[in-house]
Amino acid sequence: MVSIKYASREVCCKIVYYGPGLSGKTTNLIYVHSKVPQNTRGKLISLATEADRTLYFDFLPINIGSINGFAAKFQLYTVPGQVYYNATRKLVLRGVDGVVFVADSQPDKMDENIESLSNLEENLIEYGYDINELPIVIQYNKCDLPGVLSSEQLNPLLNQKGRPFFVASATVGNGVFDTLKGIIKLVLDTAKNTASPGAKKAKIIEQPEQAEAVQEQVSHVPTAPQASSTQPTATASATMSAPADVAKDDSYRPYPGSMSQKIKQPIAEPSQPQQVSQDASIEQVKNKEQAELKPVTESEAKAPSMAPSVKTRKEKKRGFFKRLFGLK
């Protein structure tokens, strides 16, 4: 699936060059890298063995401009052609958006081409890709060599599903960019035609007939019965609405330090008598709290608040002998 980065407004597509060993996959990327302008290409990373054969993959990010305000970037990969590196092939195919199958046009390489194409389909099926919908093009490489097979001879063997094919020579450069343009066009067309499930649902709801049907279904849904005042839901709703009701009553102001922190908590109002009794109980709470307040005189209100005075120590009575002899 094409990766869309809305933050940087980029559309990233992954294209993998697949094929047997020494078929010309890496040569395709080297030619593209040498011809693409420097400001629109990244660094070519190639991991090769001593025999100059790609061990893992080649990576070449290129930028072809903007599409509907989004910068289109393509990441080109190749896989190792050797059969014993199938695990690496599968790893590189993860998240692929398009595949270029590079076939060797020489007659003695036909068995390797068929085996590699079958291996490609098996790996894609393991990842859950639909082979009939995934963009795949075929490149018949090495057409400049003598004694190679023509496209009419190769199509019945390698292109039985009628996929787009290109005749190329990667060393000379013939057909290299034609192949790249062909797979890019297929990838972008597939991305445009593929709509997300959320967009499809939104389009369906936007239709007037569908919208009316949905509205009728919603209107026929039975509503839940109202909870009584004894249920927890009613208590919670009453507690939630308590601050608004208390704010309306300006006369109720609990003084600081009061032990009774009761706040008016209205409960569900099933009938008028219950509301009257509720108001009466609230008035009783007000009167009780007002009665607890001590009247403050005018002198006490004006007097500054000071620390209590230290109690004077009472003189002890003189003892018996002191009183007898008149001693202090």
C-alpha atoms as a PDB file:
ATOM      1  CA  MET A   1       0.000   0.000   0.000  1.00  0.00           C
ATOM      2  CA  VAL A   2       1.295   3.449  -0.911  1.00  0.00           C
ATOM      3  CA  SER A   3       2.522   5.316   2.176  1.00  0.00           C
ATOM      4  CA  ILE A   4       1.147   8.867   2.503  1.00  0.00           C
ATOM      5  CA  LYS A   5       2.840  11.240   4.957  1.00  0.00           C
ATOM      6  CA  TYR A   6       0.489  14.172   5.523  1.00  0.00           C
ATOM      7  CA  ALA A   7       2.921  16.034   7.801  1.00  0.00           C
ATOM      8  CA  SER A   8       5.596  16.311   5.119  1.00  0.00           C
ATOM      9  CA  ARG A   9       3.067  15.980   2.248  1.00  0.00           C
ATOM     10  CA  GLU A  10       4.868  13.051   0.641  1.00  0.00           C
ATOM     11  CA  VAL A  11       3.714   9.952  -1.206  1.00  0.00           C
ATOM     12  CA  CYS A  12       6.256   7.134  -0.830  1.00  0.00           C
ATOM     13  CA  CYS A  13       6.112   4.116  -3.136  1.00  0.00           C
ATOM     14  CA  LYS A  14       8.281   1.013  -2.954  1.00  0.00           C
ATOM     15  CA  ILE A  15       9.292  -0.708  -6.186  1.00  0.00           C
ATOM     16  CA  VAL A  16      11.266  -3.957  -6.144  1.00  0.00           C
ATOM     17  CA  TYR A  17      13.255  -5.358  -9.059  1.00  0.00           C
ATOM     18  CA  TYR A  18      12.893  -9.131  -8.917  1.00  0.00           C
ATOM     19  CA  GLY A  19      14.465 -11.828 -11.054  1.00  0.00           C
ATOM     20  CA  PRO A  20      17.074 -14.589 -11.287  1.00  0.00           C
ATOM     21  CA  GLY A  21      20.741 -14.070 -10.581  1.00  0.00           C
ATOM     22  CA  LEU A  22      22.767 -11.977 -13.057  1.00  0.00           C
ATOM     23  CA  SER A  23      19.648 -10.982 -14.976  1.00  0.00           C
ATOM     24  CA  GLY A  24      20.459  -7.246 -14.771  1.00  0.00           C
ATOM     25  CA  LYS A  25      18.505  -5.953 -11.748  1.00  0.00           C
ATOM     26  CA  THR A  26      21.379  -4.018 -10.206  1.00  0.00           C
ATOM     27  CA  THR A  27      22.466  -2.796 -13.640  1.00  0.00           C
ATOM     28  CA  ASN A  28      19.031  -1.180 -14.068  1.00  0.00           C
ATOM     29  CA  LEU A  29      19.428   0.795 -10.848  1.00  0.00           C
ATOM     30  CA  ILE A  30      22.994   1.832 -11.664  1.00  0.00           C
ATOM     31  CA  TYR A  31      21.884   3.216 -15.021  1.00  0.00           C
ATOM     32  CA  VAL A  32      18.939   5.071 -13.473  1.00  0.00           C
ATOM     33  CA  HIS A  33      21.200   6.515 -10.801  1.00  0.00           C
ATOM     34  CA  SER A  34      23.687   7.753 -13.373  1.00  0.00           C
ATOM     35  CA  LYS A  35      21.064   9.476 -15.541  1.00  0.00           C
ATOM     36  CA  VAL A  36      18.734  10.969 -12.949  1.00  0.00           C
ATOM     37  CA  PRO A  37      19.625  14.570 -11.909  1.00  0.00           C
ATOM     38  CA  GLN A  38      21.534  14.798  -8.669  1.00  0.00           C
ATOM     39  CA  ASN A  39      18.938  16.975  -6.921  1.00  0.00           C
ATOM     40  CA  THR A  40      16.198  14.392  -7.545  1.00  0.00           C
ATOM     41  CA  ARG A  41      17.990  11.221  -6.476  1.00  0.00           C
ATOM     42  CA  GLY A  42      19.439   9.850  -3.291  1.00  0.00           C
ATOM     43  CA  LYS A  43      22.533   7.846  -2.588  1.00  0.00           C
ATOM     44  CA  LEU A  44      22.820   4.432  -4.225  1.00  0.00           C
ATOM     45  CA  ILE A  45      23.467   1.856  -1.532  1.00  0.00           C
ATOM     46  CA  SER A  46      24.705  -1.488  -2.821  1.00  0.00           C
ATOM     47  CA  LEU A  47      25.722  -4.471  -0.704  1.00  0.00           C
ATOM     48  CA  ALA A  48      27.657  -6.939  -2.809  1.00  0.00           C
ATOM     49  CA  THR A  49      29.879  -9.951  -2.340  1.00  0.00           C
ATOM     50  CA  GLU A  50      33.409 -10.459  -3.651  1.00  0.00           C
ATOM     51  CA  ALA A  51      31.946 -11.689  -6.925  1.00  0.00           C
ATOM     52  CA  ASP A  52      30.108  -8.339  -7.306  1.00  0.00           C
ATOM     53  CA  ARG A  53      26.690  -9.918  -6.878  1.00  0.00           C
ATOM     54  CA  THR A  54      24.054  -8.188  -4.761  1.00  0.00           C
ATOM     55  CA  LEU A  55      23.789  -9.952  -1.438  1.00  0.00           C
ATOM     56  CA  TYR A  56      20.901  -8.026   0.074  1.00  0.00           C
ATOM     57  CA  PHE A  57      19.452  -5.140  -1.900  1.00  0.00           C
ATOM     58  CA  ASP A  58      20.129  -1.917  -3.736  1.00  0.00           C
ATOM     59  CA  PHE A  59      18.272   1.164  -2.518  1.00  0.00           C
ATOM     60  CA  LEU A  60      17.753   4.253  -4.652  1.00  0.00           C
ATOM     61  CA  PRO A  61      15.199   6.892  -3.576  1.00  0.00           C
ATOM     62  CA  ILE A  62      14.206   9.223  -6.411  1.00  0.00           C
ATOM     63  CA  ASN A  63      11.817  12.164  -6.579  1.00  0.00           C
ATOM     64  CA  ILE A  64       9.729  12.715  -9.714  1.00  0.00           C
ATOM     65  CA  GLY A  65       7.984  15.921  -8.652  1.00  0.00           C
ATOM     66  CA  SER A  66       4.620  16.617  -7.038  1.00  0.00           C
ATOM     67  CA  ILE A  67       1.268  14.916  -7.546  1.00  0.00           C
ATOM     68  CA  ASN A  68      -1.785  16.878  -6.373  1.00  0.00           C
ATOM     69  CA  GLY A  69       0.402  18.899  -4.015  1.00  0.00           C
ATOM     70  CA  PHE A  70       2.202  15.848  -2.610  1.00  0.00           C
ATOM     71  CA  ALA A  71       5.856  15.118  -3.354  1.00  0.00           C
ATOM     72  CA  ALA A  72       6.085  11.672  -4.989  1.00  0.00           C
ATOM     73  CA  LYS A  73       9.107   9.667  -3.893  1.00  0.00           C
ATOM     74  CA  PHE A  74       9.962   6.193  -5.155  1.00  0.00           C
ATOM     75  CA  GLN A  75      12.262   3.773  -3.402  1.00  0.00           C
ATOM     76  CA  LEU A  76      13.853   1.276  -5.774  1.00  0.00           C
ATOM     77  CA  TYR A  77      15.090  -2.030  -4.381  1.00  0.00           C
ATOM     78  CA  THR A  78      16.595  -5.189  -5.817  1.00  0.00           C
ATOM     79  CA  VAL A  79      16.668  -8.647  -4.280  1.00  0.00           C
ATOM     80  CA  PRO A  80      19.431 -11.241  -4.409  1.00  0.00           C
ATOM     81  CA  GLY A  81      18.950 -13.545  -7.348  1.00  0.00           C
ATOM     82  CA  GLN A  82      20.438 -16.593  -5.679  1.00  0.00           C
ATOM     83  CA  VAL A  83      17.898 -19.186  -4.576  1.00  0.00           C
ATOM     84  CA  TYR A  84      19.469 -19.716  -1.148  1.00  0.00           C
ATOM     85  CA  TYR A  85      18.716 -16.090  -0.232  1.00  0.00           C
ATOM     86  CA  ASN A  86      14.953 -16.562  -0.350  1.00  0.00           C
ATOM     87  CA  ALA A  87      14.530 -15.254   3.218  1.00  0.00           C
ATOM     88  CA  THR A  88      16.088 -11.956   2.148  1.00  0.00           C
ATOM     89  CA  ARG A  89      13.847 -11.849  -0.926  1.00  0.00           C
ATOM     90  CA  LYS A  90      10.773 -12.135   1.254  1.00  0.00           C
ATOM     91  CA  LEU A  91      12.061  -9.460   3.610  1.00  0.00           C
ATOM     92  CA  VAL A  92      12.610  -6.961   0.788  1.00  0.00           C
ATOM     93  CA  LEU A  93       9.121  -7.665  -0.609  1.00  0.00           C
ATOM     94  CA  ARG A  94       7.443  -6.532   2.610  1.00  0.00           C
ATOM     95  CA  GLY A  95       5.342  -3.435   1.932  1.00  0.00           C
ATOM     96  CA  VAL A  96       5.996  -3.468  -1.828  1.00  0.00           C
ATOM     97  CA  ASP A  97       3.814  -1.302  -4.101  1.00  0.00           C
ATOM     98  CA  GLY A  98       5.066  -2.493  -7.480  1.00  0.00           C
ATOM     99  CA  VAL A  99       7.334  -5.202  -8.903  1.00  0.00           C
ATOM    100  CA  VAL A 100       9.567  -5.219 -11.981  1.00  0.00           C
ATOM    101  CA  PHE A 101      10.409  -8.777 -12.965  1.00  0.00           C
ATOM    102  CA  VAL A 102      13.718  -8.714 -14.850  1.00  0.00           C
ATOM    103  CA  ALA A 103      13.997 -11.806 -17.054  1.00  0.00           C
ATOM    104  CA  ASP A 104      17.107 -12.962 -18.872  1.00  0.00           C
ATOM    105  CA  SER A 105      16.325 -13.297 -22.584  1.00  0.00           C
ATOM    106  CA  GLN A 106      18.960 -15.955 -23.195  1.00  0.00           C
ATOM    107  CA  PRO A 107      17.542 -19.431 -23.999  1.00  0.00           C
ATOM    108  CA  ASP A 108      19.691 -21.261 -21.434  1.00  0.00           C
ATOM    109  CA  LYS A 109      18.344 -19.021 -18.636  1.00  0.00           C
ATOM    110  CA  MET A 110      14.700 -19.887 -19.231  1.00  0.00           C
ATOM    111  CA  ASP A 111      14.456 -22.411 -16.391  1.00  0.00           C
ATOM    112  CA  GLU A 112      15.866 -19.869 -13.923  1.00  0.00           C
ATOM    113  CA  ASN A 113      13.365 -17.265 -15.146  1.00  0.00           C
ATOM    114  CA  ILE A 114      10.407 -19.596 -14.631  1.00  0.00           C
ATOM    115  CA  GLU A 115      11.666 -20.665 -11.198  1.00  0.00           C
ATOM    116  CA  SER A 116      12.199 -17.063 -10.085  1.00  0.00           C
ATOM    117  CA  LEU A 117       8.768 -15.963 -11.331  1.00  0.00           C
ATOM    118  CA  SER A 118       7.125 -18.836  -9.478  1.00  0.00           C
ATOM    119  CA  ASN A 119       9.085 -17.921  -6.344  1.00  0.00           C
ATOM    120  CA  LEU A 120       7.877 -14.306  -6.656  1.00  0.00           C
ATOM    121  CA  GLU A 121       4.240 -15.357  -6.759  1.00  0.00           C
ATOM    122  CA  GLU A 122       4.678 -17.667  -3.779  1.00  0.00           C
ATOM    123  CA  ASN A 123       6.297 -14.962  -1.647  1.00  0.00           C
ATOM    124  CA  LEU A 124       3.618 -12.427  -2.554  1.00  0.00           C
ATOM    125  CA  ILE A 125       0.860 -14.876  -1.655  1.00  0.00           C
ATOM    126  CA  GLU A 126       2.488 -15.491   1.734  1.00  0.00           C
ATOM    127  CA  TYR A 127       2.315 -11.746   2.425  1.00  0.00           C
ATOM    128  CA  GLY A 128      -1.349 -11.683   1.415  1.00  0.00           C
ATOM    129  CA  TYR A 129      -0.960  -9.802  -1.877  1.00  0.00           C
ATOM    130  CA  ASP A 130      -3.372 -10.345  -4.748  1.00  0.00           C
ATOM    131  CA  ILE A 131      -1.203 -11.145  -7.763  1.00  0.00           C
ATOM    132  CA  ASN A 132      -3.906 -10.013 -10.171  1.00  0.00           C
ATOM    133  CA  GLU A 133      -4.179  -6.559  -8.567  1.00  0.00           C
ATOM    134  CA  LEU A 134      -0.559  -5.814  -7.596  1.00  0.00           C
ATOM    135  CA  PRO A 135       1.226  -3.690 -10.249  1.00  0.00           C
ATOM    136  CA  ILE A 136       3.755  -5.972 -12.003  1.00  0.00           C
ATOM    137  CA  VAL A 137       5.638  -5.364 -15.242  1.00  0.00           C
ATOM    138  CA  ILE A 138       8.101  -7.664 -17.010  1.00  0.00           C
ATOM    139  CA  GLN A 139      11.388  -6.589 -18.546  1.00  0.00           C
ATOM    140  CA  TYR A 140      13.084  -8.824 -21.084  1.00  0.00           C
ATOM    141  CA  ASN A 141      16.678  -7.820 -20.509  1.00  0.00           C
ATOM    142  CA  LYS A 142      19.873  -8.466 -22.513  1.00  0.00           C
ATOM    143  CA  CYS A 143      18.158  -8.060 -25.868  1.00  0.00           C
ATOM    144  CA  ASP A 144      21.430  -6.756 -27.330  1.00  0.00           C
ATOM    145  CA  LEU A 145      23.125 -10.150 -26.999  1.00  0.00           C
ATOM    146  CA  PRO A 146      23.151 -12.519 -29.986  1.00  0.00           C
ATOM    147  CA  GLY A 147      20.843 -15.504 -30.026  1.00  0.00           C
ATOM    148  CA  VAL A 148      18.345 -14.184 -27.466  1.00  0.00           C
ATOM    149  CA  LEU A 149      14.658 -15.020 -27.596  1.00  0.00           C
ATOM    150  CA  SER A 150      12.153 -12.468 -28.841  1.00  0.00           C
ATOM    151  CA  SER A 151       9.217 -11.127 -26.849  1.00  0.00           C
ATOM    152  CA  GLU A 152       6.827 -13.282 -28.919  1.00  0.00           C
ATOM    153  CA  GLN A 153       8.735 -16.363 -27.759  1.00  0.00           C
ATOM    154  CA  LEU A 154       9.021 -15.237 -24.139  1.00  0.00           C
ATOM    155  CA  ASN A 155       5.432 -14.125 -23.508  1.00  0.00           C
ATOM    156  CA  PRO A 156       3.877 -17.625 -23.669  1.00  0.00           C
ATOM    157  CA  LEU A 157       6.382 -18.809 -21.061  1.00  0.00           C
ATOM    158  CA  LEU A 158       6.669 -15.830 -18.684  1.00  0.00           C
ATOM    159  CA  ASN A 159       3.697 -13.589 -19.387  1.00  0.00           C
ATOM    160  CA  GLN A 160       0.654 -15.810 -19.524  1.00  0.00           C
ATOM    161  CA  LYS A 161      -1.443 -13.224 -17.625  1.00  0.00           C
ATOM    162  CA  GLY A 162      -0.826 -10.488 -20.195  1.00  0.00           C
ATOM    163  CA  ARG A 163       1.108  -8.081 -17.993  1.00  0.00           C
ATOM    164  CA  PRO A 164       2.880  -5.034 -19.522  1.00  0.00           C
ATOM    165  CA  PHE A 165       6.345  -5.986 -20.818  1.00  0.00           C
ATOM    166  CA  PHE A 166       9.365  -4.078 -22.071  1.00  0.00           C
ATOM    167  CA  VAL A 167      12.406  -5.139 -24.115  1.00  0.00           C
ATOM    168  CA  ALA A 168      15.557  -3.641 -22.656  1.00  0.00           C
ATOM    169  CA  SER A 169      19.310  -3.725 -22.391  1.00  0.00           C
ATOM    170  CA  ALA A 170      20.423  -2.445 -18.983  1.00  0.00           C
ATOM    171  CA  THR A 171      24.081  -2.057 -19.890  1.00  0.00           C
ATOM    172  CA  VAL A 172      23.280   0.203 -22.866  1.00  0.00           C
ATOM    173  CA  GLY A 173      20.204   1.807 -21.291  1.00  0.00           C
ATOM    174  CA  ASN A 174      17.617   0.768 -23.862  1.00  0.00           C
ATOM    175  CA  GLY A 175      14.199   0.313 -22.261  1.00  0.00           C
ATOM    176  CA  VAL A 176      15.396   1.024 -18.717  1.00  0.00           C
ATOM    177  CA  PHE A 177      13.430   4.238 -18.231  1.00  0.00           C
ATOM    178  CA  ASP A 178      10.499   2.871 -20.217  1.00  0.00           C
ATOM    179  CA  THR A 179      10.244   0.072 -17.677  1.00  0.00           C
ATOM    180  CA  LEU A 180      10.522   2.507 -14.769  1.00  0.00           C
ATOM    181  CA  LYS A 181       7.861   4.810 -16.211  1.00  0.00           C
ATOM    182  CA  GLY A 182       5.554   1.867 -16.825  1.00  0.00           C
ATOM    183  CA  ILE A 183       5.688   0.586 -13.245  1.00  0.00           C
ATOM    184  CA  ILE A 184       5.361   4.109 -11.807  1.00  0.00           C
ATOM    185  CA  LYS A 185       2.227   4.706 -13.872  1.00  0.00           C
ATOM    186  CA  LEU A 186       0.679   1.437 -12.698  1.00  0.00           C
ATOM    187  CA  VAL A 187       1.494   2.168  -9.057  1.00  0.00           C
ATOM    188  CA  LEU A 188      -0.024   5.651  -9.162  1.00  0.00           C
ATOM    189  CA  ASP A 189      -3.130   4.450 -11.014  1.00  0.00           C
ATOM    190  CA  THR A 190      -3.637   1.708  -8.434  1.00  0.00           C
ATOM    191  CA  ALA A 191      -3.212   4.209  -5.591  1.00  0.00           C
ATOM    192  CA  LYS A 192      -5.814   6.550  -7.108  1.00  0.00           C
ATOM    193  CA  ASN A 193      -8.352   3.794  -7.741  1.00  0.00           C
ATOM    194  CA  THR A 194      -7.962   2.303  -4.276  1.00  0.00           C
ATOM    195  CA  ALA A 195     -10.219   4.081  -1.774  1.00  0.00           C
ATOM    196  CA  SER A 196     -10.047   3.610   1.961  1.00  0.00           C
ATOM    197  CA  PRO A 197     -13.015   1.904   3.739  1.00  0.00           C
ATOM    198  CA  GLY A 198     -13.725   5.085   5.695  1.00  0.00           C
ATOM    199  CA  ALA A 199     -14.053   7.115   2.497  1.00  0.00           C
ATOM    200  CA  LYS A 200     -16.432   4.545   1.032  1.00  0.00           C
ATOM    201  CA  LYS A 201     -18.639   4.665   4.104  1.00  0.00           C
ATOM    202  CA  ALA A 202     -18.676   8.451   4.024  1.00  0.00           C
ATOM    203  CA  LYS A 203     -19.761   8.459   0.388  1.00  0.00           C
ATOM    204  CA  ILE A 204     -22.573   6.022   1.128  1.00  0.00           C
ATOM    205  CA  ILE A 205     -23.887   8.103   4.021  1.00  0.00           C
ATOM    206  CA  GLU A 206     -23.797  11.262   1.942  1.00  0.00           C
ATOM    207  CA  GLN A 207     -26.428   9.887  -0.462  1.00  0.00           C
ATOM    208  CA  PRO A 208     -29.886  11.267   0.492  1.00  0.00           C
ATOM    209  CA  GLU A 209     -31.757   7.965   0.239  1.00  0.00           C
ATOM    210  CA  GLN A 210     -29.220   6.177   2.391  1.00  0.00           C
ATOM    211  CA  ALA A 211     -29.225   9.017   4.906  1.00  0.00           C
ATOM    212  CA  GLU A 212     -33.037   8.884   5.260  1.00  0.00           C
ATOM    213  CA  ALA A 213     -32.935   5.133   5.783  1.00  0.00           C
ATOM    214  CA  VAL A 214     -30.319   5.485   8.483  1.00  0.00           C
ATOM    215  CA  GLN A 215     -32.344   8.243  10.171  1.00  0.00           C
ATOM    216  CA  GLU A 216     -35.477   6.061  10.213  1.00  0.00           C
ATOM    217  CA  GLN A 217     -33.539   3.194  11.794  1.00  0.00           C
ATOM    218  CA  VAL A 218     -32.250   5.486  14.503  1.00  0.00           C
ATOM    219  CA  SER A 219     -35.716   6.905  15.222  1.00  0.00           C
ATOM    220  CA  HIS A 220     -37.182   3.404  15.741  1.00  0.00           C
ATOM    221  CA  VAL A 221     -34.590   2.398  18.311  1.00  0.00           C
ATOM    222  CA  PRO A 222     -36.358   2.122  21.741  1.00  0.00           C
ATOM    223  CA  THR A 223     -35.066   4.510  24.375  1.00  0.00           C
ATOM    224  CA  ALA A 224     -33.848   3.223  27.716  1.00  0.00           C
ATOM    225  CA  PRO A 225     -36.225   3.688  30.742  1.00  0.00           C
ATOM    226  CA  GLN A 226     -35.466   6.573  33.046  1.00  0.00           C
ATOM    227  CA  ALA A 227     -33.698   5.600  36.232  1.00  0.00           C
ATOM    228  CA  SER A 228     -35.450   6.190  39.557  1.00  0.00           C
ATOM    229  CA  SER A 229     -34.118   8.423  42.315  1.00  0.00           C
ATOM    230  CA  THR A 230     -32.790   5.405  44.242  1.00  0.00           C
ATOM    231  CA  GLN A 231     -30.557   4.204  41.384  1.00  0.00           C
ATOM    232  CA  PRO A 232     -26.865   5.197  41.262  1.00  0.00           C
ATOM    233  CA  THR A 233     -27.304   6.910  37.920  1.00  0.00           C
ATOM    234  CA  ALA A 234     -29.860   9.311  39.334  1.00  0.00           C
ATOM    235  CA  THR A 235     -27.634  10.093  42.311  1.00  0.00           C
ATOM    236  CA  ALA A 236     -24.697  10.758  40.030  1.00  0.00           C
ATOM    237  CA  SER A 237     -26.710  13.086  37.842  1.00  0.00           C
ATOM    238  CA  ALA A 238     -27.969  14.935  40.904  1.00  0.00           C
ATOM    239  CA  THR A 239     -24.447  15.364  42.211  1.00  0.00           C
ATOM    240  CA  MET A 240     -23.297  16.638  38.842  1.00  0.00           C
ATOM    241  CA  SER A 241     -25.991  19.328  38.796  1.00  0.00           C
ATOM    242  CA  ALA A 242     -25.499  20.364  42.447  1.00  0.00           C
ATOM    243  CA  PRO A 243     -22.996  23.201  41.865  1.00  0.00           C
ATOM    244  CA  ALA A 244     -25.295  24.946  39.415  1.00  0.00           C
ATOM    245  CA  ASP A 245     -28.244  24.770  41.851  1.00  0.00           C
ATOM    246  CA  VAL A 246     -26.182  26.026  44.763  1.00  0.00           C
ATOM    247  CA  ALA A 247     -24.958  28.956  42.705  1.00  0.00           C
ATOM    248  CA  LYS A 248     -28.541  30.027  42.103  1.00  0.00           C
ATOM    249  CA  ASP A 249     -29.250  30.222  45.887  1.00  0.00           C
ATOM    250  CA  ASP A 250     -27.291  33.282  47.070  1.00  0.00           C
ATOM    251  CA  SER A 251     -28.549  33.068  50.676  1.00  0.00           C
ATOM    252  CA  TYR A 252     -26.793  29.777  51.406  1.00  0.00           C
ATOM    253  CA  ARG A 253     -23.159  30.419  52.324  1.00  0.00           C
ATOM    254  CA  PRO A 254     -21.614  27.816  54.696  1.00  0.00           C
ATOM    255  CA  TYR A 255     -19.174  29.579  57.035  1.00  0.00           C
ATOM    256  CA  PRO A 256     -15.529  28.423  57.200  1.00  0.00           C
ATOM    257  CA  GLY A 257     -14.860  25.712  59.720  1.00  0.00           C
ATOM    258  CA  SER A 258     -18.418  24.455  59.762  1.00  0.00           C
ATOM    259  CA  MET A 259     -18.592  20.758  60.526  1.00  0.00           C
ATOM    260  CA  SER A 260     -21.625  20.259  58.328  1.00  0.00           C
ATOM    261  CA  GLN A 261     -20.522  20.444  54.718  1.00  0.00           C
ATOM    262  CA  LYS A 262     -23.935  19.656  53.332  1.00  0.00           C
ATOM    263  CA  ILE A 263     -24.633  21.153  49.927  1.00  0.00           C
ATOM    264  CA  LYS A 264     -27.957  21.277  48.258  1.00  0.00           C
ATOM    265  CA  GLN A 265     -28.123  18.114  46.117  1.00  0.00           C
ATOM    266  CA  PRO A 266     -31.354  17.993  44.161  1.00  0.00           C
ATOM    267  CA  ILE A 267     -32.667  14.543  43.370  1.00  0.00           C
ATOM    268  CA  ALA A 268     -35.042  13.495  40.619  1.00  0.00           C
ATOM    269  CA  GLU A 269     -38.321  15.374  40.821  1.00  0.00           C
ATOM    270  CA  PRO A 270     -41.089  12.788  40.483  1.00  0.00           C
ATOM    271  CA  SER A 271     -43.787  14.928  42.116  1.00  0.00           C
ATOM    272  CA  GLN A 272     -44.419  18.301  43.793  1.00  0.00           C
ATOM    273  CA  PRO A 273     -44.877  17.093  47.458  1.00  0.00           C
ATOM    274  CA  GLN A 274     -41.418  15.548  47.471  1.00  0.00           C
ATOM    275  CA  GLN A 275     -39.923  18.864  46.326  1.00  0.00           C
ATOM    276  CA  VAL A 276     -41.737  20.705  49.174  1.00  0.00           C
ATOM    277  CA  SER A 277     -40.359  18.321  51.790  1.00  0.00           C
ATOM    278  CA  GLN A 278     -36.905  18.680  50.277  1.00  0.00           C
ATOM    279  CA  ASP A 279     -37.040  22.481  50.562  1.00  0.00           C
ATOM    280  CA  ALA A 280     -38.218  22.175  54.160  1.00  0.00           C
ATOM    281  CA  SER A 281     -35.263  19.953  55.101  1.00  0.00           C
ATOM    282  CA  ILE A 282     -32.864  22.425  53.503  1.00  0.00           C
ATOM    283  CA  GLU A 283     -34.378  25.271  55.509  1.00  0.00           C
ATOM    284  CA  GLN A 284     -33.891  23.246  58.681  1.00  0.00           C
ATOM    285  CA  VAL A 285     -30.216  22.788  57.854  1.00  0.00           C
ATOM    286  CA  LYS A 286     -29.857  26.531  57.293  1.00  0.00           C
ATOM    287  CA  ASN A 287     -31.538  27.424  60.572  1.00  0.00           C
ATOM    288  CA  LYS A 288     -29.415  24.902  62.489  1.00  0.00           C
ATOM    289  CA  GLU A 289     -26.182  26.297  61.072  1.00  0.00           C
ATOM    290  CA  GLN A 290     -27.243  29.883  61.745  1.00  0.00           C
ATOM    291  CA  ALA A 291     -28.109  28.955  65.329  1.00  0.00           C
ATOM    292  CA  GLU A 292     -24.590  27.612  65.852  1.00  0.00           C
ATOM    293  CA  LEU A 293     -23.153  31.055  65.069  1.00  0.00           C
ATOM    294  CA  LYS A 294     -22.516  33.113  68.227  1.00  0.00           C
ATOM    295  CA  PRO A 295     -23.560  36.793  68.212  1.00  0.00           C
ATOM    296  CA  VAL A 296     -20.565  39.081  68.039  1.00  0.00           C
ATOM    297  CA  THR A 297     -20.699  42.419  69.852  1.00  0.00           C
ATOM    298  CA  GLU A 298     -19.513  45.657  68.330  1.00  0.00           C
ATOM    299  CA  SER A 299     -16.553  45.967  70.696  1.00  0.00           C
ATOM    300  CA  GLU A 300     -15.399  42.434  69.928  1.00  0.00           C
ATOM    301  CA  ALA A 301     -15.626  43.082  66.230  1.00  0.00           C
ATOM    302  CA  LYS A 302     -13.458  46.232  66.507  1.00  0.00           C
ATOM    303  CA  ALA A 303     -10.925  44.740  68.911  1.00  0.00           C
ATOM    304  CA  PRO A 304      -7.746  43.490  67.286  1.00  0.00           C
ATOM    305  CA  SER A 305      -7.089  39.800  67.451  1.00  0.00           C
ATOM    306  CA  MET A 306      -4.290  39.220  70.002  1.00  0.00           C
ATOM    307  CA  ALA A 307      -2.794  36.244  71.731  1.00  0.00           C
ATOM    308  CA  PRO A 308      -4.409  35.305  75.075  1.00  0.00           C
ATOM    309  CA  SER A 309      -2.756  36.776  78.152  1.00  0.00           C
ATOM    310  CA  VAL A 310      -0.661  34.573  80.402  1.00  0.00           C
ATOM    311  CA  LYS A 311      -2.444  33.576  83.560  1.00  0.00           C
ATOM    312  CA  THR A 312      -1.010  35.163  86.693  1.00  0.00           C
ATOM    313  CA  ARG A 313       0.264  32.717  89.228  1.00  0.00           C
ATOM    314  CA  LYS A 314      -1.649  32.839  92.501  1.00  0.00           C
ATOM    315  CA  GLU A 315       0.316  33.404  95.701  1.00  0.00           C
ATOM    316  CA  LYS A 316       0.612  30.386  97.875  1.00  0.00           C
ATOM    317  CA  LYS A 317      -0.600  30.582 101.429  1.00  0.00           C
ATOM    318  CA  ARG A 318       2.087  30.868 104.079  1.00  0.00           C
ATOM    319  CA  GLY A 319       2.807  27.790 106.062  1.00  0.00           C
ATOM    320  CA  PHE A 320       1.905  27.146 109.689  1.00  0.00           C
ATOM    321  CA  PHE A 321       5.271  28.111 111.151  1.00  0.00           C
ATOM    322  CA  LYS A 322       5.498  31.277 109.043  1.00  0.00           C
ATOM    323  CA  ARG A 323       2.137  32.382 110.217  1.00  0.00           C
ATOM    324  CA  LEU A 324       3.033  31.505 113.772  1.00  0.00           C
ATOM    325  CA  PHE A 325       6.222  33.527 113.847  1.00  0.00           C
ATOM    326  CA  GLY A 326       5.039  36.221 111.444  1.00  0.00           C
ATOM    327  CA  LEU A 327       7.533  35.413 108.736  1.00  0.00           C
ATOM    328  CA  LYS A 328       6.968  36.326 105.158  1.00  0.00           C
END
